[in-house]
Amino acid sequence: MNKPTDGFSAEIDSAKTTHLTEAVKTIAFSRSAAACGVADASLFGDAPLGFRPDDILKGARAVVVVGLRTPRSVILEAAPTVYTRAVFHLDRVLDDIAYRMALFLEDKEYRAVPIPGRGLNMAAISDELRGDLSLKHAAALAGLGEIAYNSLLLSPEFGNALALSAVITDASLSPDPPFTPGLCDNCGRCAEACPIKAILGPANVDKERCRNYYRMYVDIYKESAGLYFCRECRKTCLARGR
């Protein structure tokens, strides 16, 4: 039997990559994901050392990013208790999706590390409030949206309503093109609405000041590390998507 030509082999590899990518995304969408994209792991060069895909998984080739939609009414109108429950519910579902994708990839003999929606505070390592991987920047590189003035991810379909998780893998997946900015016009409404003026400029937020304000009653709501009551920068954004 004649060996396949290089061109034919490349077509087979491409088809396998496409099929694997579609299978991974299907897992996300079957679990109620509103968005799912793949970022090329080599595009994270601007991330701080220690917080790049290859720092987390040596040989990383792709980052799969999943987005779940927060009900708009919860953002705009719900009581702080309901909003807090929504945040934690979304994180639980996102973690479930990420772990399912990681196990699926491992069953295909690839390596995969899930990055949870609610990361641990890495300040002890980086001297800054930071997660293992910037999910919003990963989402932008995966084509899901852009970083807005208030430093949140802004999606064309869902505005700032997406909660995120991710999976870093050494599997060869088909990357989506990074998102081309153009949704946020830097109007500054979010900065004006911030009650403690923690939004200092485009995508520049005093994270310590923000965290210390938006979470209250930590001694009472210990299971959630406080009650999440402030979301003014999300409410006032006019680019709301659906």
Foldseek 3Di string as FASTA:
>chain_A
DDDDDPVVVVVVVVVVQAVLQVVLVCLQVVLQFPDKFKFFQVPCPVDDPQQGLCNVPPLWGIKMKTWHFDPPCLLAPNALVSVLVSLVVRQVSQQVSQVVSQVVVVVVVWHKDKFTLDADQPCVPVVDRDGSYPNLVRCQSRAQADQWLQRAGQGQAAGRRIGMIMMTINDNHDGDHGHDDDLHPQPCPLQVQPPVSQRPTRNHGPVVVVVVPQFPPLVPPVVSSGGRGDDRSRNRDPSGHD
